[in-house]
Amino acid sequence: MKGLVERIRTLLPLLNEKQKRLMLAVEAKALGHGGIKIVSEMLTST
């Protein structure tokens, strides 16, 4: 999880809105069941 948070914090400022949504969707899908919730909670806690 720590690697995911670091990757998101590093990349998000460099991406436009469409790219951000695509990247977060890919990360959520890679996490599997509950991935959307996990990514969402990470974004609201940063």
Protein backbone atom coordinates (compact mmCIF):
# COMPACT_ATOMS: atom_id res chain seq x y z
CA MET A 1 0.00 0.00 0.00
CA LYS A 2 2.80 2.41 0.83
CA GLY A 3 4.18 2.03 -2.70
CA LEU A 4 0.77 2.79 -4.15
CA VAL A 5 0.38 5.95 -2.08
CA GLU A 6 3.86 7.11 -3.08
CA ARG A 7 3.16 6.39 -6.76
CA ILE A 8 -0.12 8.30 -6.65
CA ARG A 9 1.40 11.29 -4.83
CA THR A 10 4.25 11.43 -7.34
CA LEU A 11 2.24 11.09 -10.53
CA LEU A 12 -1.07 12.89 -9.92
CA PRO A 13 0.35 16.43 -10.00
CA LEU A 14 1.86 15.73 -13.43
CA LEU A 15 -1.32 14.44 -15.09
CA ASN A 16 -4.34 16.13 -16.59
CA GLU A 17 -7.82 15.21 -15.34
CA LYS A 18 -8.45 12.44 -17.88
CA GLN A 19 -5.05 10.87 -17.19
CA LYS A 20 -5.64 11.04 -13.42
CA ARG A 21 -8.96 9.23 -13.71
CA LEU A 22 -7.45 6.56 -15.94
CA MET A 23 -4.48 6.00 -13.64
CA LEU A 24 -6.68 5.75 -10.54
CA ALA A 25 -9.03 3.35 -12.31
CA VAL A 26 -6.12 1.10 -13.26
CA GLU A 27 -4.79 1.13 -9.70
CA ALA A 28 -8.25 0.34 -8.29
CA LYS A 29 -8.71 -2.53 -10.73
CA ALA A 30 -5.26 -3.92 -9.86
CA LEU A 31 -6.25 -4.00 -6.18
CA GLY A 32 -9.22 -6.20 -6.99
CA HIS A 33 -12.40 -6.40 -4.93
CA GLY A 34 -12.75 -3.21 -2.88
CA GLY A 35 -10.09 -1.40 -4.90
CA ILE A 36 -12.31 1.58 -5.71
CA LYS A 37 -13.02 2.13 -2.04
CA ILE A 38 -9.34 1.79 -1.10
CA VAL A 39 -8.22 4.30 -3.73
CA SER A 40 -11.03 6.66 -2.82
CA GLU A 41 -10.11 6.56 0.87
CA MET A 42 -6.45 7.16 0.04
CA LEU A 43 -7.36 10.25 -1.97
CA THR A 44 -9.54 11.72 0.77
CA SER A 45 -6.90 11.11 3.43
CA THR A 46 -4.01 12.79 1.55
